[in-house]
Amino acid sequence: MDFIFANFKIIFFSLVIGVSLFFIVKNYAKIVVFLNQVRSELTKVSWPTRKEVMASTIVILVLTGFLSVYVGVIDLGLSKLLSIFLK
């Protein structure tokens, strides 16, 4: 029993790898079909241009900054208001 507890990581990862390999071998044909379907669907995706990605990133960063300042101001105001009531 001490052997099992002392080598738990090795036994656990060996079991995970064994089960994973069994699953892959048993379902190999289904996995290949799935991956081919994924590749087919990815060719249909309309990928954004670099300009669109940069514009979206800038919008997200500006909105995140604005909301951070807004929440910070509201938090500061409410904490001041609460400290006035608790004095």
N, C-alpha and C. Protein backbone atom coordinates (compact mmCIF):
# COMPACT_ATOMS: atom_id res chain seq x y z
N MET A 1 0.82 -1.19 0.00
CA MET A 1 0.00 0.00 0.00
C MET A 1 0.86 1.25 0.00
N ASP A 2 2.00 1.21 0.69
CA ASP A 2 2.89 2.37 0.70
C ASP A 2 3.45 2.65 -0.68
N PHE A 3 3.63 1.61 -1.48
CA PHE A 3 4.13 1.78 -2.84
C PHE A 3 3.17 2.62 -3.67
N ILE A 4 1.87 2.40 -3.50
CA ILE A 4 0.86 3.14 -4.26
C ILE A 4 0.89 4.61 -3.88
N PHE A 5 0.94 4.91 -2.58
CA PHE A 5 0.95 6.30 -2.15
C PHE A 5 2.25 6.99 -2.51
N ALA A 6 3.36 6.29 -2.46
CA ALA A 6 4.65 6.88 -2.77
C ALA A 6 4.77 7.20 -4.26
N ASN A 7 4.15 6.42 -5.10
CA ASN A 7 4.26 6.61 -6.55
C ASN A 7 2.93 6.99 -7.17
N PHE A 8 2.13 7.72 -6.44
CA PHE A 8 0.78 8.06 -6.90
C PHE A 8 0.81 8.83 -8.22
N LYS A 9 1.70 9.81 -8.34
CA LYS A 9 1.76 10.62 -9.57
C LYS A 9 2.08 9.75 -10.77
N ILE A 10 3.05 8.89 -10.64
CA ILE A 10 3.44 8.03 -11.76
C ILE A 10 2.30 7.10 -12.14
N ILE A 11 1.66 6.50 -11.15
CA ILE A 11 0.55 5.59 -11.42
C ILE A 11 -0.61 6.35 -12.05
N PHE A 12 -0.93 7.53 -11.52
CA PHE A 12 -2.04 8.32 -12.05
C PHE A 12 -1.80 8.72 -13.50
N PHE A 13 -0.61 9.29 -13.79
CA PHE A 13 -0.34 9.72 -15.15
C PHE A 13 -0.22 8.54 -16.12
N SER A 14 0.27 7.42 -15.65
CA SER A 14 0.31 6.23 -16.49
C SER A 14 -1.10 5.77 -16.84
N LEU A 15 -1.97 5.82 -15.86
CA LEU A 15 -3.36 5.45 -16.09
C LEU A 15 -4.03 6.40 -17.07
N VAL A 16 -3.80 7.71 -16.90
CA VAL A 16 -4.39 8.70 -17.81
C VAL A 16 -3.88 8.50 -19.23
N ILE A 17 -2.59 8.28 -19.38
CA ILE A 17 -2.02 8.06 -20.72
C ILE A 17 -2.55 6.77 -21.32
N GLY A 18 -2.66 5.72 -20.52
CA GLY A 18 -3.19 4.45 -21.02
C GLY A 18 -4.63 4.57 -21.49
N VAL A 19 -5.47 5.22 -20.69
CA VAL A 19 -6.88 5.41 -21.07
C VAL A 19 -6.98 6.29 -22.32
N SER A 20 -6.14 7.32 -22.39
CA SER A 20 -6.16 8.20 -23.56
C SER A 20 -5.76 7.44 -24.82
N LEU A 21 -4.71 6.65 -24.73
CA LEU A 21 -4.28 5.86 -25.90
C LEU A 21 -5.34 4.85 -26.31
N PHE A 22 -5.97 4.21 -25.33
CA PHE A 22 -7.06 3.28 -25.65
C PHE A 22 -8.19 3.99 -26.39
N PHE A 23 -8.57 5.17 -25.89
CA PHE A 23 -9.64 5.94 -26.53
C PHE A 23 -9.26 6.32 -27.95
N ILE A 24 -8.02 6.76 -28.15
CA ILE A 24 -7.57 7.18 -29.48
C ILE A 24 -7.57 5.99 -30.44
N VAL A 25 -7.03 4.87 -30.00
CA VAL A 25 -6.97 3.69 -30.88
C VAL A 25 -8.37 3.19 -31.20
N LYS A 26 -9.23 3.16 -30.20
CA LYS A 26 -10.59 2.65 -30.40
C LYS A 26 -11.40 3.54 -31.33
N ASN A 27 -11.21 4.84 -31.24
CA ASN A 27 -12.02 5.80 -32.01
C ASN A 27 -11.21 6.51 -33.08
N TYR A 28 -10.17 5.90 -33.60
CA TYR A 28 -9.28 6.56 -34.56
C TYR A 28 -10.03 7.06 -35.79
N ALA A 29 -10.90 6.24 -36.37
CA ALA A 29 -11.63 6.63 -37.58
C ALA A 29 -12.54 7.82 -37.31
N LYS A 30 -13.20 7.82 -36.17
CA LYS A 30 -14.09 8.93 -35.83
C LYS A 30 -13.30 10.22 -35.62
N ILE A 31 -12.13 10.09 -35.01
CA ILE A 31 -11.29 11.27 -34.77
C ILE A 31 -10.81 11.86 -36.08
N VAL A 32 -10.42 11.01 -37.01
CA VAL A 32 -9.96 11.49 -38.32
C VAL A 32 -11.09 12.21 -39.05
N VAL A 33 -12.28 11.63 -39.03
CA VAL A 33 -13.44 12.27 -39.68
C VAL A 33 -13.72 13.62 -39.02
N PHE A 34 -13.69 13.67 -37.70
CA PHE A 34 -13.93 14.92 -36.98
C PHE A 34 -12.92 15.98 -37.37
N LEU A 35 -11.63 15.63 -37.39
CA LEU A 35 -10.60 16.61 -37.73
C LEU A 35 -10.74 17.09 -39.18
N ASN A 36 -11.15 16.21 -40.07
CA ASN A 36 -11.39 16.63 -41.45
C ASN A 36 -12.57 17.60 -41.54
N GLN A 37 -13.60 17.37 -40.75
CA GLN A 37 -14.74 18.28 -40.72
C GLN A 37 -14.35 19.63 -40.12
N VAL A 38 -13.50 19.62 -39.10
CA VAL A 38 -13.02 20.87 -38.51
C VAL A 38 -12.25 21.66 -39.54
N ARG A 39 -11.34 21.00 -40.27
CA ARG A 39 -10.57 21.69 -41.31
C ARG A 39 -11.50 22.27 -42.37
N SER A 40 -12.52 21.52 -42.76
CA SER A 40 -13.48 22.00 -43.76
C SER A 40 -14.22 23.24 -43.25
N GLU A 41 -14.66 23.22 -41.99
CA GLU A 41 -15.39 24.36 -41.44
C GLU A 41 -14.49 25.58 -41.28
N LEU A 42 -13.22 25.37 -40.95
CA LEU A 42 -12.31 26.51 -40.78
C LEU A 42 -12.04 27.23 -42.09
N THR A 43 -12.20 26.55 -43.22
CA THR A 43 -12.03 27.23 -44.51
C THR A 43 -13.20 28.17 -44.80
N LYS A 44 -14.34 27.96 -44.12
CA LYS A 44 -15.53 28.79 -44.33
C LYS A 44 -15.55 30.03 -43.44
N VAL A 45 -14.63 30.13 -42.50
CA VAL A 45 -14.61 31.23 -41.54
C VAL A 45 -14.16 32.51 -42.23
N SER A 46 -14.83 33.60 -41.92
CA SER A 46 -14.44 34.90 -42.43
C SER A 46 -13.52 35.55 -41.39
N TRP A 47 -12.21 35.47 -41.63
CA TRP A 47 -11.25 35.97 -40.67
C TRP A 47 -11.12 37.49 -40.80
N PRO A 48 -11.02 38.21 -39.67
CA PRO A 48 -10.89 39.67 -39.73
C PRO A 48 -9.50 40.08 -40.24
N THR A 49 -9.44 41.27 -40.81
CA THR A 49 -8.16 41.79 -41.27
C THR A 49 -7.38 42.33 -40.07
N ARG A 50 -6.11 42.60 -40.28
CA ARG A 50 -5.28 43.15 -39.21
C ARG A 50 -5.83 44.50 -38.75
N LYS A 51 -6.31 45.31 -39.70
CA LYS A 51 -6.85 46.63 -39.37
C LYS A 51 -8.09 46.49 -38.48
N GLU A 52 -8.96 45.54 -38.79
CA GLU A 52 -10.17 45.33 -37.99
C GLU A 52 -9.81 44.84 -36.58
N VAL A 53 -8.83 43.97 -36.47
CA VAL A 53 -8.41 43.47 -35.16
C VAL A 53 -7.83 44.60 -34.33
N MET A 54 -7.00 45.44 -34.94
CA MET A 54 -6.41 46.56 -34.21
C MET A 54 -7.48 47.54 -33.74
N ALA A 55 -8.45 47.83 -34.61
CA ALA A 55 -9.53 48.76 -34.23
C ALA A 55 -10.35 48.18 -33.08
N SER A 56 -10.67 46.91 -33.15
CA SER A 56 -11.45 46.28 -32.08
C SER A 56 -10.67 46.26 -30.77
N THR A 57 -9.37 46.01 -30.85
CA THR A 57 -8.53 46.00 -29.65
C THR A 57 -8.49 47.37 -29.00
N ILE A 58 -8.37 48.40 -29.81
CA ILE A 58 -8.34 49.77 -29.28
C ILE A 58 -9.66 50.11 -28.59
N VAL A 59 -10.78 49.74 -29.23
CA VAL A 59 -12.10 50.00 -28.64
C VAL A 59 -12.22 49.28 -27.29
N ILE A 60 -11.79 48.04 -27.23
CA ILE A 60 -11.88 47.28 -25.98
C ILE A 60 -11.01 47.91 -24.90
N LEU A 61 -9.78 48.30 -25.24
CA LEU A 61 -8.90 48.92 -24.26
C LEU A 61 -9.45 50.24 -23.74
N VAL A 62 -10.00 51.07 -24.64
CA VAL A 62 -10.57 52.36 -24.23
C VAL A 62 -11.78 52.14 -23.33
N LEU A 63 -12.67 51.23 -23.72
CA LEU A 63 -13.84 50.96 -22.89
C LEU A 63 -13.47 50.37 -21.53
N THR A 64 -12.47 49.51 -21.52
CA THR A 64 -12.02 48.94 -20.25
C THR A 64 -11.46 50.03 -19.34
N GLY A 65 -10.66 50.92 -19.90
CA GLY A 65 -10.12 52.03 -19.12
C GLY A 65 -11.21 52.94 -18.60
N PHE A 66 -12.17 53.28 -19.46
CA PHE A 66 -13.28 54.13 -19.05
C PHE A 66 -14.08 53.50 -17.92
N LEU A 67 -14.43 52.22 -18.08
CA LEU A 67 -15.22 51.54 -17.05
C LEU A 67 -14.44 51.39 -15.75
N SER A 68 -13.13 51.20 -15.84
CA SER A 68 -12.31 51.10 -14.63
C SER A 68 -12.33 52.41 -13.86
N VAL A 69 -12.18 53.52 -14.57
CA VAL A 69 -12.22 54.83 -13.92
C VAL A 69 -13.61 55.09 -13.34
N TYR A 70 -14.64 54.76 -14.10
CA TYR A 70 -16.02 54.97 -13.65
C TYR A 70 -16.30 54.19 -12.36
N VAL A 71 -15.97 52.91 -12.35
CA VAL A 71 -16.21 52.09 -11.17
C VAL A 71 -15.35 52.59 -10.00
N GLY A 72 -14.13 53.00 -10.28
CA GLY A 72 -13.26 53.53 -9.23
C GLY A 72 -13.83 54.78 -8.60
N VAL A 73 -14.36 55.70 -9.43
CA VAL A 73 -14.95 56.94 -8.92
C VAL A 73 -16.20 56.63 -8.09
N ILE A 74 -17.04 55.75 -8.58
CA ILE A 74 -18.25 55.36 -7.84
C ILE A 74 -17.86 54.72 -6.50
N ASP A 75 -16.87 53.84 -6.52
CA ASP A 75 -16.41 53.19 -5.29
C ASP A 75 -15.86 54.21 -4.31
N LEU A 76 -15.05 55.12 -4.80
CA LEU A 76 -14.49 56.15 -3.93
C LEU A 76 -15.59 57.02 -3.33
N GLY A 77 -16.56 57.41 -4.15
CA GLY A 77 -17.67 58.23 -3.65
C GLY A 77 -18.50 57.51 -2.62
N LEU A 78 -18.82 56.25 -2.88
CA LEU A 78 -19.62 55.49 -1.91
C LEU A 78 -18.85 55.22 -0.63
N SER A 79 -17.55 54.98 -0.73
CA SER A 79 -16.77 54.76 0.50
C SER A 79 -16.67 56.04 1.32
N LYS A 80 -16.54 57.20 0.67
CA LYS A 80 -16.53 58.47 1.40
C LYS A 80 -17.88 58.71 2.07
N LEU A 81 -18.96 58.45 1.32
CA LEU A 81 -20.31 58.62 1.85
C LEU A 81 -20.54 57.69 3.04
N LEU A 82 -20.08 56.49 2.94
CA LEU A 82 -20.24 55.54 4.04
C LEU A 82 -19.41 55.93 5.25
N SER A 83 -18.22 56.44 5.02
CA SER A 83 -17.39 56.87 6.15
C SER A 83 -18.01 58.09 6.85
N ILE A 84 -18.69 58.94 6.12
CA ILE A 84 -19.36 60.10 6.73
C ILE A 84 -20.50 59.61 7.63
N PHE A 85 -21.28 58.62 7.17
CA PHE A 85 -22.41 58.10 7.96
C PHE A 85 -21.94 57.31 9.18
N LEU A 86 -20.79 56.68 9.09
CA LEU A 86 -20.33 55.86 10.20
C LEU A 86 -19.56 56.63 11.25
N LYS A 87 -19.25 57.90 11.04
CA LYS A 87 -18.52 58.70 12.03
C LYS A 87 -19.37 59.03 13.21
